[in-house]
């Protein structure tokens, strides 16, 4: 790796930690340079503005989160079993340190820059990447009946987020392992009660 590339990584690592600890608005480029062990000029050689640096960090973190395994609909497995697997995988993502880190950085930035919510909303991670296609395939197999797949996908994800992710983001009490298993099962049952194809 070239020295310039190493310095760029040091800058990204330093800024990511500072943005996490203090927020973007309260972090200066001087602090980024000092923490990264480079000159301020070097920081600006790689990133013209703090916004450009912030965008690069979000992109890098999102790429890391996009490593989630995609689950395709399987006609040989019960639909409930497949939804349980997806929900469990999604909850593991919501609890992961990388996801919580990017969420905290993004959340603090949205407090001062509300328009950032639109930008971050364009990034799909976890099952949001593939779940609509899963629903389409499940409907083709006559396992589900879903008219609005985008809405159904959001309902599934937001139900899990409300119980698993947001308590961690806001520092509330988090569910125990047993409670989490119960919440996942309830989410899947509720989803199937609304969308599972009725047998004649």
N, C-alpha and C. Protein backbone atom coordinates (compact mmCIF):
# COMPACT_ATOMS: atom_id res chain seq x y z
N UNK A 1 0.84 -1.20 0.00
CA UNK A 1 0.00 0.00 0.00
C UNK A 1 0.88 1.25 0.00
N UNK A 2 0.57 2.19 -0.86
CA UNK A 2 1.33 3.42 -0.96
C UNK A 2 1.16 4.26 0.32
N UNK A 3 2.16 5.10 0.58
CA UNK A 3 2.12 5.94 1.77
C UNK A 3 0.90 6.85 1.78
N UNK A 4 0.54 7.40 0.60
CA UNK A 4 -0.62 8.30 0.53
C UNK A 4 -1.91 7.54 0.86
N UNK A 5 -1.99 6.28 0.44
CA UNK A 5 -3.17 5.46 0.75
C UNK A 5 -3.24 5.14 2.23
N UNK A 6 -2.06 4.89 2.82
CA UNK A 6 -2.01 4.63 4.27
C UNK A 6 -2.48 5.85 5.05
N UNK A 7 -2.02 7.02 4.62
CA UNK A 7 -2.42 8.25 5.31
C UNK A 7 -3.92 8.49 5.17
N UNK A 8 -4.46 8.17 4.00
CA UNK A 8 -5.90 8.34 3.80
C UNK A 8 -6.69 7.45 4.76
N UNK A 9 -6.23 6.22 4.93
CA UNK A 9 -6.88 5.29 5.85
C UNK A 9 -6.78 5.79 7.29
N UNK A 10 -5.61 6.32 7.66
CA UNK A 10 -5.43 6.86 9.01
C UNK A 10 -6.40 8.02 9.25
N UNK A 11 -6.56 8.85 8.24
CA UNK A 11 -7.48 9.99 8.34
C UNK A 11 -8.91 9.50 8.52
N UNK A 12 -9.31 8.52 7.72
CA UNK A 12 -10.67 7.97 7.82
C UNK A 12 -10.90 7.33 9.18
N UNK A 13 -9.93 6.56 9.65
CA UNK A 13 -10.07 5.90 10.95
C UNK A 13 -10.19 6.92 12.07
N UNK A 14 -9.35 7.95 12.01
CA UNK A 14 -9.36 8.97 13.06
C UNK A 14 -10.67 9.75 13.05
N UNK A 15 -11.10 10.14 11.86
CA UNK A 15 -12.34 10.92 11.76
C UNK A 15 -13.55 10.09 12.18
N UNK A 16 -13.56 8.82 11.80
CA UNK A 16 -14.68 7.95 12.17
C UNK A 16 -14.82 7.89 13.68
N UNK A 17 -13.71 7.72 14.39
CA UNK A 17 -13.77 7.64 15.85
C UNK A 17 -14.16 8.97 16.47
N UNK A 18 -13.62 10.06 15.96
CA UNK A 18 -13.95 11.38 16.48
C UNK A 18 -15.42 11.72 16.23
N UNK A 19 -15.91 11.41 15.04
CA UNK A 19 -17.31 11.67 14.73
C UNK A 19 -18.22 10.85 15.64
N UNK A 20 -17.78 9.64 15.96
CA UNK A 20 -18.56 8.77 16.85
C UNK A 20 -18.56 9.32 18.28
N UNK A 21 -17.40 9.77 18.74
CA UNK A 21 -17.28 10.26 20.12
C UNK A 21 -17.89 11.64 20.32
N UNK A 22 -17.72 12.54 19.33
CA UNK A 22 -18.09 13.94 19.53
C UNK A 22 -19.17 14.45 18.59
N UNK A 23 -19.40 13.73 17.49
CA UNK A 23 -20.31 14.22 16.47
C UNK A 23 -19.54 15.00 15.42
N UNK A 24 -20.09 15.06 14.23
CA UNK A 24 -19.42 15.75 13.11
C UNK A 24 -19.29 17.24 13.40
N UNK A 25 -20.35 17.84 13.88
CA UNK A 25 -20.37 19.29 14.09
C UNK A 25 -19.32 19.75 15.10
N UNK A 26 -18.98 18.89 16.05
CA UNK A 26 -18.06 19.27 17.13
C UNK A 26 -16.65 18.74 16.92
N UNK A 27 -16.38 18.27 15.71
CA UNK A 27 -15.04 17.79 15.37
C UNK A 27 -14.42 18.71 14.33
N UNK A 28 -13.21 19.17 14.58
CA UNK A 28 -12.52 20.05 13.63
C UNK A 28 -11.55 19.23 12.79
N UNK A 29 -11.19 19.77 11.65
CA UNK A 29 -10.21 19.11 10.80
C UNK A 29 -8.84 19.10 11.47
N UNK A 30 -8.57 20.08 12.33
CA UNK A 30 -7.32 20.08 13.11
C UNK A 30 -7.26 18.85 14.01
N UNK A 31 -8.38 18.53 14.65
CA UNK A 31 -8.42 17.36 15.52
C UNK A 31 -8.23 16.07 14.73
N UNK A 32 -8.83 16.04 13.54
CA UNK A 32 -8.69 14.86 12.69
C UNK A 32 -7.22 14.67 12.32
N UNK A 33 -6.56 15.75 11.94
CA UNK A 33 -5.15 15.68 11.55
C UNK A 33 -4.28 15.22 12.72
N UNK A 34 -4.52 15.79 13.90
CA UNK A 34 -3.73 15.43 15.09
C UNK A 34 -3.93 13.96 15.45
N UNK A 35 -5.17 13.51 15.45
CA UNK A 35 -5.46 12.12 15.81
C UNK A 35 -4.90 11.14 14.78
N UNK A 36 -4.93 11.54 13.51
CA UNK A 36 -4.44 10.68 12.44
C UNK A 36 -2.92 10.69 12.34
N UNK A 37 -2.28 11.67 13.00
CA UNK A 37 -0.83 11.77 12.94
C UNK A 37 -0.32 12.30 11.62
N UNK A 38 -1.13 13.18 11.00
CA UNK A 38 -0.73 13.78 9.72
C UNK A 38 -0.93 15.29 9.83
N UNK A 39 -0.44 16.00 8.83
CA UNK A 39 -0.62 17.45 8.82
C UNK A 39 -2.03 17.81 8.35
N UNK A 40 -2.46 18.99 8.71
CA UNK A 40 -3.77 19.47 8.26
C UNK A 40 -3.81 19.57 6.74
N UNK A 41 -2.68 19.94 6.16
CA UNK A 41 -2.60 20.03 4.71
C UNK A 41 -2.84 18.67 4.06
N UNK A 42 -2.30 17.62 4.68
CA UNK A 42 -2.50 16.26 4.16
C UNK A 42 -3.97 15.88 4.19
N UNK A 43 -4.65 16.26 5.28
CA UNK A 43 -6.09 15.97 5.38
C UNK A 43 -6.83 16.63 4.22
N UNK A 44 -6.52 17.91 3.97
CA UNK A 44 -7.21 18.64 2.90
C UNK A 44 -6.79 18.17 1.50
N UNK A 45 -5.62 17.58 1.40
CA UNK A 45 -5.21 17.01 0.10
C UNK A 45 -6.09 15.83 -0.28
N UNK A 46 -6.56 15.13 0.74
CA UNK A 46 -7.42 13.96 0.49
C UNK A 46 -8.90 14.31 0.51
N UNK A 47 -9.27 15.28 1.35
CA UNK A 47 -10.69 15.65 1.51
C UNK A 47 -10.80 17.17 1.56
N UNK A 48 -11.43 17.74 0.55
CA UNK A 48 -11.53 19.19 0.43
C UNK A 48 -12.27 19.84 1.60
N UNK A 49 -13.29 19.13 2.09
CA UNK A 49 -14.12 19.67 3.16
C UNK A 49 -14.44 18.57 4.18
N UNK A 50 -14.96 19.00 5.31
CA UNK A 50 -15.37 18.03 6.33
C UNK A 50 -16.56 17.21 5.83
N UNK A 51 -17.41 17.84 5.03
CA UNK A 51 -18.54 17.10 4.45
C UNK A 51 -18.06 15.98 3.54
N UNK A 52 -17.01 16.25 2.76
CA UNK A 52 -16.46 15.22 1.88
C UNK A 52 -15.87 14.08 2.70
N UNK A 53 -15.21 14.41 3.79
CA UNK A 53 -14.65 13.40 4.69
C UNK A 53 -15.77 12.57 5.32
N UNK A 54 -16.81 13.26 5.76
CA UNK A 54 -17.95 12.56 6.37
C UNK A 54 -18.60 11.60 5.37
N UNK A 55 -18.79 12.06 4.14
CA UNK A 55 -19.41 11.22 3.11
C UNK A 55 -18.57 9.98 2.84
N UNK A 56 -17.25 10.15 2.82
CA UNK A 56 -16.35 9.01 2.58
C UNK A 56 -16.44 7.99 3.71
N UNK A 57 -16.60 8.47 4.92
CA UNK A 57 -16.73 7.57 6.07
C UNK A 57 -18.03 6.79 6.00
N UNK A 58 -19.12 7.48 5.69
CA UNK A 58 -20.41 6.81 5.58
C UNK A 58 -20.38 5.76 4.48
N UNK A 59 -19.80 6.09 3.34
CA UNK A 59 -19.70 5.14 2.24
C UNK A 59 -18.91 3.91 2.65
N UNK A 60 -17.80 4.13 3.34
CA UNK A 60 -16.95 3.01 3.77
C UNK A 60 -17.69 2.11 4.76
N UNK A 61 -18.38 2.73 5.71
CA UNK A 61 -19.10 1.95 6.71
C UNK A 61 -20.26 1.19 6.09
N UNK A 62 -20.92 1.80 5.11
CA UNK A 62 -22.03 1.13 4.44
C UNK A 62 -21.54 -0.08 3.63
N UNK A 63 -20.36 0.05 3.03
CA UNK A 63 -19.80 -1.07 2.29
C UNK A 63 -19.52 -2.24 3.22
N UNK A 64 -19.07 -1.94 4.42
CA UNK A 64 -18.82 -2.99 5.41
C UNK A 64 -20.12 -3.68 5.80
N UNK A 65 -21.17 -2.91 5.97
CA UNK A 65 -22.46 -3.47 6.39
C UNK A 65 -23.11 -4.27 5.28
N UNK A 66 -22.76 -3.99 4.03
CA UNK A 66 -23.38 -4.69 2.91
C UNK A 66 -22.86 -6.11 2.71
N UNK A 67 -22.06 -6.58 3.65
CA UNK A 67 -21.56 -7.95 3.56
C UNK A 67 -22.58 -8.97 4.07
N UNK A 68 -23.74 -8.50 4.49
CA UNK A 68 -24.79 -9.39 4.98
C UNK A 68 -25.19 -10.40 3.90
N UNK A 69 -25.34 -11.65 4.30
CA UNK A 69 -25.72 -12.71 3.37
C UNK A 69 -27.14 -12.48 2.84
N UNK A 70 -27.29 -12.59 1.53
CA UNK A 70 -28.61 -12.49 0.92
C UNK A 70 -29.31 -13.83 1.01
N UNK A 71 -30.56 -13.82 1.41
CA UNK A 71 -31.33 -15.06 1.54
C UNK A 71 -32.40 -15.07 0.45
N UNK A 72 -32.32 -16.05 -0.42
CA UNK A 72 -33.30 -16.19 -1.51
C UNK A 72 -34.42 -17.11 -1.07
N UNK A 73 -35.62 -16.87 -1.59
CA UNK A 73 -36.75 -17.73 -1.26
C UNK A 73 -36.48 -19.15 -1.74
N UNK A 74 -36.81 -20.10 -0.87
CA UNK A 74 -36.58 -21.52 -1.16
C UNK A 74 -37.93 -22.24 -1.12
N UNK A 75 -38.34 -22.79 -2.24
CA UNK A 75 -39.65 -23.46 -2.33
C UNK A 75 -39.70 -24.73 -1.50
N UNK A 76 -38.54 -25.24 -1.09
CA UNK A 76 -38.49 -26.49 -0.34
C UNK A 76 -38.54 -26.30 1.17
N UNK A 77 -38.57 -25.05 1.61
CA UNK A 77 -38.60 -24.79 3.05
C UNK A 77 -39.87 -24.04 3.43
N UNK A 78 -40.40 -24.29 4.62
CA UNK A 78 -41.59 -23.56 5.08
C UNK A 78 -41.32 -22.06 5.12
N UNK A 79 -42.30 -21.28 4.74
CA UNK A 79 -42.13 -19.83 4.68
C UNK A 79 -41.81 -19.25 6.06
N UNK A 80 -42.41 -19.79 7.11
CA UNK A 80 -42.15 -19.27 8.45
C UNK A 80 -40.69 -19.50 8.84
N UNK A 81 -40.16 -20.65 8.53
CA UNK A 81 -38.76 -20.94 8.84
C UNK A 81 -37.83 -19.96 8.14
N UNK A 82 -38.14 -19.64 6.90
CA UNK A 82 -37.30 -18.71 6.15
C UNK A 82 -37.39 -17.29 6.71
N UNK A 83 -38.58 -16.86 7.07
CA UNK A 83 -38.75 -15.52 7.65
C UNK A 83 -38.06 -15.43 9.02
N UNK A 84 -38.09 -16.50 9.77
CA UNK A 84 -37.40 -16.52 11.06
C UNK A 84 -35.89 -16.35 10.86
N UNK A 85 -35.36 -17.03 9.86
CA UNK A 85 -33.92 -16.92 9.57
C UNK A 85 -33.56 -15.49 9.18
N UNK A 86 -34.38 -14.89 8.33
CA UNK A 86 -34.13 -13.50 7.91
C UNK A 86 -34.20 -12.56 9.11
N UNK A 87 -35.22 -12.74 9.94
CA UNK A 87 -35.39 -11.87 11.11
C UNK A 87 -34.22 -12.02 12.08
N UNK A 88 -33.77 -13.23 12.29
CA UNK A 88 -32.64 -13.46 13.20
C UNK A 88 -31.36 -12.82 12.67
N UNK A 89 -31.15 -12.95 11.38
CA UNK A 89 -29.97 -12.34 10.76
C UNK A 89 -30.04 -10.82 10.85
N UNK A 90 -31.24 -10.29 10.65
CA UNK A 90 -31.42 -8.83 10.71
C UNK A 90 -31.14 -8.32 12.12
N UNK A 91 -31.57 -9.05 13.12
CA UNK A 91 -31.35 -8.63 14.50
C UNK A 91 -29.86 -8.69 14.86
N UNK A 92 -29.16 -9.67 14.34
CA UNK A 92 -27.71 -9.73 14.57
C UNK A 92 -27.03 -8.50 13.97
N UNK A 93 -27.51 -8.06 12.81
CA UNK A 93 -26.97 -6.84 12.21
C UNK A 93 -27.26 -5.64 13.09
N UNK A 94 -28.50 -5.52 13.57
CA UNK A 94 -28.89 -4.38 14.40
C UNK A 94 -28.07 -4.29 15.69
N UNK A 95 -27.61 -5.43 16.17
CA UNK A 95 -26.85 -5.47 17.43
C UNK A 95 -25.35 -5.32 17.21
N UNK A 96 -24.91 -5.39 15.96
CA UNK A 96 -23.47 -5.41 15.68
C UNK A 96 -22.84 -4.03 15.93
N UNK A 97 -21.60 -4.05 16.36
CA UNK A 97 -20.87 -2.81 16.64
C UNK A 97 -20.78 -1.90 15.42
N UNK A 98 -20.45 -2.42 14.22
CA UNK A 98 -20.36 -1.53 13.05
C UNK A 98 -21.68 -0.83 12.74
N UNK A 99 -22.80 -1.56 12.85
CA UNK A 99 -24.10 -0.96 12.55
C UNK A 99 -24.45 0.12 13.57
N UNK A 100 -24.22 -0.17 14.84
CA UNK A 100 -24.54 0.80 15.88
C UNK A 100 -23.63 2.03 15.79
N UNK A 101 -22.41 1.80 15.33
CA UNK A 101 -21.47 2.92 15.21
C UNK A 101 -21.93 3.88 14.11
N UNK A 102 -22.23 3.34 12.93
CA UNK A 102 -22.65 4.21 11.83
C UNK A 102 -24.00 4.85 12.16
N UNK A 103 -24.85 4.12 12.87
CA UNK A 103 -26.16 4.67 13.24
C UNK A 103 -26.01 5.86 14.18
N UNK A 104 -25.10 5.74 15.16
CA UNK A 104 -24.91 6.85 16.10
C UNK A 104 -24.33 8.07 15.39
N UNK A 105 -23.33 7.84 14.52
CA UNK A 105 -22.73 8.96 13.79
C UNK A 105 -23.78 9.65 12.93
N UNK A 106 -24.57 8.84 12.21
CA UNK A 106 -25.59 9.39 11.32
C UNK A 106 -26.67 10.11 12.11
N UNK A 107 -27.09 9.52 13.23
CA UNK A 107 -28.16 10.12 14.03
C UNK A 107 -27.74 11.48 14.57
N UNK A 108 -26.51 11.57 15.09
CA UNK A 108 -26.04 12.85 15.63
C UNK A 108 -25.94 13.90 14.52
N UNK A 109 -25.54 13.46 13.32
CA UNK A 109 -25.41 14.41 12.22
C UNK A 109 -26.78 14.90 11.75
N UNK A 110 -27.77 14.03 11.81
CA UNK A 110 -29.13 14.43 11.39
C UNK A 110 -29.72 15.48 12.32
N UNK A 111 -29.26 15.50 13.57
CA UNK A 111 -29.77 16.48 14.52
C UNK A 111 -29.43 17.90 14.07
N UNK A 112 -28.27 18.05 13.41
CA UNK A 112 -27.85 19.39 12.95
C UNK A 112 -28.08 19.58 11.45
N UNK A 113 -28.20 18.47 10.73
CA UNK A 113 -28.40 18.53 9.28
C UNK A 113 -29.57 17.61 8.89
N UNK A 114 -30.82 18.08 9.06
CA UNK A 114 -31.99 17.23 8.79
C UNK A 114 -32.03 16.65 7.38
N UNK A 115 -31.49 17.35 6.41
CA UNK A 115 -31.51 16.87 5.03
C UNK A 115 -30.67 15.61 4.85
N UNK A 116 -29.78 15.35 5.80
CA UNK A 116 -28.94 14.16 5.69
C UNK A 116 -29.78 12.89 5.76
N UNK A 117 -30.95 12.97 6.38
CA UNK A 117 -31.82 11.80 6.48
C UNK A 117 -32.18 11.28 5.10
N UNK A 118 -32.37 12.18 4.13
CA UNK A 118 -32.69 11.76 2.77
C UNK A 118 -31.51 11.03 2.14
N UNK A 119 -30.31 11.53 2.40
CA UNK A 119 -29.11 10.92 1.84
C UNK A 119 -28.88 9.53 2.40
N UNK A 120 -28.96 9.40 3.72
CA UNK A 120 -28.71 8.11 4.35
C UNK A 120 -29.82 7.12 4.01
N UNK A 121 -31.01 7.65 3.73
CA UNK A 121 -32.14 6.79 3.41
C UNK A 121 -32.00 6.07 2.08
N UNK A 122 -31.08 6.54 1.24
CA UNK A 122 -30.87 5.89 -0.05
C UNK A 122 -30.01 4.63 0.07
N UNK A 123 -29.36 4.47 1.20
CA UNK A 123 -28.50 3.30 1.42
C UNK A 123 -29.32 2.16 2.00
N UNK A 124 -29.28 1.02 1.36
CA UNK A 124 -29.98 -0.16 1.87
C UNK A 124 -28.96 -1.14 2.44
N UNK A 125 -29.26 -1.65 3.63
CA UNK A 125 -28.39 -2.65 4.24
C UNK A 125 -29.27 -3.77 4.79
N UNK A 126 -28.64 -4.89 5.12
CA UNK A 126 -29.39 -6.00 5.67
C UNK A 126 -30.39 -6.57 4.69
N UNK A 127 -31.50 -7.05 5.21
CA UNK A 127 -32.49 -7.69 4.35
C UNK A 127 -33.21 -6.70 3.44
N UNK A 128 -33.08 -5.40 3.73
CA UNK A 128 -33.70 -4.39 2.85
C UNK A 128 -33.16 -4.48 1.43
N UNK A 129 -31.97 -5.04 1.28
CA UNK A 129 -31.35 -5.17 -0.04
C UNK A 129 -32.10 -6.18 -0.91
N UNK A 130 -32.59 -7.24 -0.29
CA UNK A 130 -33.15 -8.35 -1.08
C UNK A 130 -34.58 -8.75 -0.71
N UNK A 131 -35.14 -8.17 0.36
CA UNK A 131 -36.40 -8.69 0.89
C UNK A 131 -37.58 -8.53 -0.07
N UNK A 132 -37.61 -7.46 -0.82
CA UNK A 132 -38.72 -7.28 -1.77
C UNK A 132 -38.70 -8.37 -2.84
N UNK A 133 -37.52 -8.76 -3.28
CA UNK A 133 -37.42 -9.86 -4.25
C UNK A 133 -37.84 -11.18 -3.60
N UNK A 134 -37.48 -11.35 -2.34
CA UNK A 134 -37.91 -12.54 -1.59
C UNK A 134 -39.43 -12.61 -1.55
N UNK A 135 -40.07 -11.49 -1.27
CA UNK A 135 -41.53 -11.45 -1.21
C UNK A 135 -42.14 -11.73 -2.58
N UNK A 136 -41.53 -11.21 -3.63
CA UNK A 136 -42.02 -11.46 -4.99
C UNK A 136 -41.97 -12.95 -5.31
N UNK A 137 -40.87 -13.58 -4.97
CA UNK A 137 -40.70 -15.01 -5.25
C UNK A 137 -41.65 -15.85 -4.40
N UNK A 138 -41.84 -15.44 -3.14
CA UNK A 138 -42.75 -16.17 -2.27
C UNK A 138 -44.19 -16.05 -2.75
N UNK A 139 -44.52 -14.89 -3.30
CA UNK A 139 -45.87 -14.72 -3.85
C UNK A 139 -46.04 -15.56 -5.12
N UNK A 140 -45.01 -15.63 -5.94
CA UNK A 140 -45.08 -16.45 -7.15
C UNK A 140 -45.29 -17.92 -6.80
N UNK A 141 -44.77 -18.32 -5.64
CA UNK A 141 -44.93 -19.70 -5.17
C UNK A 141 -46.22 -19.88 -4.38
N UNK A 142 -47.04 -18.83 -4.35
CA UNK A 142 -48.35 -18.86 -3.68
C UNK A 142 -48.24 -19.08 -2.17
N UNK A 143 -47.14 -18.58 -1.60
CA UNK A 143 -46.96 -18.66 -0.15
C UNK A 143 -47.40 -17.37 0.54
N UNK A 144 -47.28 -16.27 -0.18
CA UNK A 144 -47.67 -14.97 0.36
C UNK A 144 -48.53 -14.23 -0.65
N UNK A 145 -49.31 -13.27 -0.15
CA UNK A 145 -50.05 -12.35 -1.00
C UNK A 145 -49.72 -10.94 -0.53
N UNK A 146 -48.87 -10.26 -1.29
CA UNK A 146 -48.36 -8.95 -0.89
C UNK A 146 -48.55 -7.97 -2.04
N UNK A 147 -49.46 -7.04 -1.88
CA UNK A 147 -49.71 -6.05 -2.95
C UNK A 147 -48.63 -4.97 -2.97
N UNK A 148 -48.26 -4.48 -1.81
CA UNK A 148 -47.26 -3.41 -1.71
C UNK A 148 -46.02 -3.98 -1.03
N UNK A 149 -45.09 -4.44 -1.84
CA UNK A 149 -43.91 -5.12 -1.28
C UNK A 149 -42.96 -4.16 -0.57
N UNK A 150 -42.89 -2.94 -1.04
CA UNK A 150 -42.04 -1.96 -0.37
C UNK A 150 -42.56 -1.68 1.04
N UNK A 151 -43.87 -1.52 1.16
CA UNK A 151 -44.47 -1.27 2.47
C UNK A 151 -44.30 -2.49 3.37
N UNK A 152 -44.56 -3.67 2.84
CA UNK A 152 -44.44 -4.90 3.64
C UNK A 152 -43.01 -5.09 4.14
N UNK A 153 -42.05 -4.78 3.28
CA UNK A 153 -40.65 -4.90 3.66
C UNK A 153 -40.32 -3.96 4.82
N UNK A 154 -40.80 -2.73 4.73
CA UNK A 154 -40.55 -1.75 5.79
C UNK A 154 -41.24 -2.18 7.08
N UNK A 155 -42.45 -2.71 6.99
CA UNK A 155 -43.16 -3.16 8.19
C UNK A 155 -42.36 -4.24 8.92
N UNK A 156 -41.82 -5.17 8.16
CA UNK A 156 -41.05 -6.28 8.73
C UNK A 156 -39.80 -5.75 9.43
N UNK A 157 -39.06 -4.89 8.75
CA UNK A 157 -37.81 -4.37 9.28
C UNK A 157 -38.05 -3.43 10.46
N UNK A 158 -39.02 -2.53 10.33
CA UNK A 158 -39.25 -1.54 11.38
C UNK A 158 -39.77 -2.20 12.66
N UNK A 159 -40.52 -3.27 12.52
CA UNK A 159 -41.00 -3.98 13.70
C UNK A 159 -39.82 -4.52 14.50
N UNK A 160 -38.84 -5.06 13.80
CA UNK A 160 -37.64 -5.56 14.47
C UNK A 160 -36.80 -4.43 15.04
N UNK A 161 -36.65 -3.38 14.26
CA UNK A 161 -35.85 -2.24 14.70
C UNK A 161 -36.38 -1.63 15.99
N UNK A 162 -37.69 -1.51 16.07
CA UNK A 162 -38.29 -0.84 17.22
C UNK A 162 -37.97 -1.54 18.54
N UNK A 163 -37.80 -2.86 18.48
CA UNK A 163 -37.54 -3.63 19.71
C UNK A 163 -36.07 -3.96 19.93
N UNK A 164 -35.33 -4.12 18.85
CA UNK A 164 -33.95 -4.60 18.96
C UNK A 164 -32.91 -3.49 18.80
N UNK A 165 -33.14 -2.62 17.83
CA UNK A 165 -32.14 -1.60 17.49
C UNK A 165 -32.29 -0.31 18.29
N UNK A 166 -33.48 0.29 18.29
CA UNK A 166 -33.64 1.60 18.90
C UNK A 166 -33.33 1.63 20.40
N UNK A 167 -33.67 0.60 21.18
CA UNK A 167 -33.26 0.62 22.59
C UNK A 167 -31.75 0.73 22.75
N UNK A 168 -31.01 0.11 21.85
CA UNK A 168 -29.54 0.18 21.91
C UNK A 168 -29.04 1.55 21.48
N UNK A 169 -29.65 2.12 20.46
CA UNK A 169 -29.22 3.43 19.97
C UNK A 169 -29.46 4.50 21.01
N UNK A 170 -30.61 4.43 21.69
CA UNK A 170 -30.98 5.48 22.65
C UNK A 170 -30.54 5.18 24.08
N UNK A 171 -29.93 4.01 24.30
CA UNK A 171 -29.47 3.68 25.63
C UNK A 171 -30.56 3.20 26.57
N UNK A 172 -31.65 2.69 26.02
CA UNK A 172 -32.73 2.14 26.84
C UNK A 172 -32.38 0.70 27.23
N UNK A 173 -33.23 0.11 28.08
CA UNK A 173 -33.04 -1.30 28.44
C UNK A 173 -33.23 -2.16 27.20
N UNK A 174 -32.30 -3.09 27.00
CA UNK A 174 -32.39 -3.97 25.83
C UNK A 174 -33.01 -5.29 26.24
N UNK A 175 -33.72 -5.94 25.31
CA UNK A 175 -34.35 -7.22 25.65
C UNK A 175 -33.32 -8.30 25.93
N UNK A 176 -33.69 -9.23 26.79
CA UNK A 176 -32.83 -10.38 27.06
C UNK A 176 -32.85 -11.30 25.84
N UNK A 177 -32.01 -12.30 25.86
CA UNK A 177 -31.96 -13.24 24.74
C UNK A 177 -33.31 -13.93 24.55
N UNK A 178 -33.94 -14.31 25.68
CA UNK A 178 -35.25 -14.97 25.61
C UNK A 178 -36.31 -14.01 25.07
N UNK A 179 -36.27 -12.76 25.54
CA UNK A 179 -37.23 -11.77 25.07
C UNK A 179 -37.02 -11.48 23.58
N UNK A 180 -35.78 -11.45 23.17
CA UNK A 180 -35.48 -11.20 21.77
C UNK A 180 -36.03 -12.31 20.88
N UNK A 181 -35.86 -13.56 21.31
CA UNK A 181 -36.40 -14.69 20.54
C UNK A 181 -37.92 -14.58 20.43
N UNK A 182 -38.55 -14.19 21.53
CA UNK A 182 -40.00 -14.03 21.54
C UNK A 182 -40.43 -12.91 20.59
N UNK A 183 -39.71 -11.79 20.60
CA UNK A 183 -40.04 -10.65 19.74
C UNK A 183 -39.87 -11.01 18.26
N UNK A 184 -38.85 -11.77 17.95
CA UNK A 184 -38.64 -12.21 16.57
C UNK A 184 -39.80 -13.09 16.12
N UNK A 185 -40.17 -14.04 16.96
CA UNK A 185 -41.26 -14.95 16.62
C UNK A 185 -42.57 -14.19 16.45
N UNK A 186 -42.81 -13.21 17.32
CA UNK A 186 -44.03 -12.41 17.23
C UNK A 186 -44.05 -11.57 15.95
N UNK A 187 -42.91 -11.05 15.57
CA UNK A 187 -42.81 -10.26 14.34
C UNK A 187 -43.16 -11.11 13.13
N UNK A 188 -42.61 -12.31 13.08
CA UNK A 188 -42.87 -13.22 11.96
C UNK A 188 -44.34 -13.65 11.96
N UNK A 189 -44.89 -13.98 13.11
CA UNK A 189 -46.30 -14.39 13.19
C UNK A 189 -47.22 -13.26 12.74
N UNK A 190 -46.91 -12.05 13.16
CA UNK A 190 -47.73 -10.89 12.78
C UNK A 190 -47.66 -10.68 11.27
N UNK A 191 -46.47 -10.83 10.71
CA UNK A 191 -46.29 -10.65 9.27
C UNK A 191 -47.08 -11.70 8.50
N UNK A 192 -47.01 -12.93 8.95
CA UNK A 192 -47.73 -14.01 8.27
C UNK A 192 -49.24 -13.88 8.43
N UNK A 193 -49.68 -13.37 9.58
CA UNK A 193 -51.11 -13.18 9.79
C UNK A 193 -51.67 -12.20 8.77
N UNK A 194 -50.84 -11.25 8.35
CA UNK A 194 -51.28 -10.26 7.37
C UNK A 194 -51.08 -10.72 5.93
N UNK A 195 -49.99 -11.43 5.65
CA UNK A 195 -49.62 -11.65 4.25
C UNK A 195 -49.59 -13.12 3.79
N UNK A 196 -49.71 -14.06 4.69
CA UNK A 196 -49.64 -15.46 4.23
C UNK A 196 -50.86 -15.81 3.39
N UNK A 197 -50.61 -16.51 2.29
CA UNK A 197 -51.71 -16.92 1.41
C UNK A 197 -52.63 -17.87 2.16
N UNK A 198 -53.91 -17.64 2.04
CA UNK A 198 -54.90 -18.48 2.72
C UNK A 198 -55.16 -19.75 1.91
N UNK A 199 -55.08 -20.88 2.57
CA UNK A 199 -55.35 -22.14 1.88
C UNK A 199 -56.86 -22.32 1.73
N UNK A 200 -57.27 -22.86 0.61
CA UNK A 200 -58.70 -23.03 0.33
C UNK A 200 -59.17 -24.40 0.82
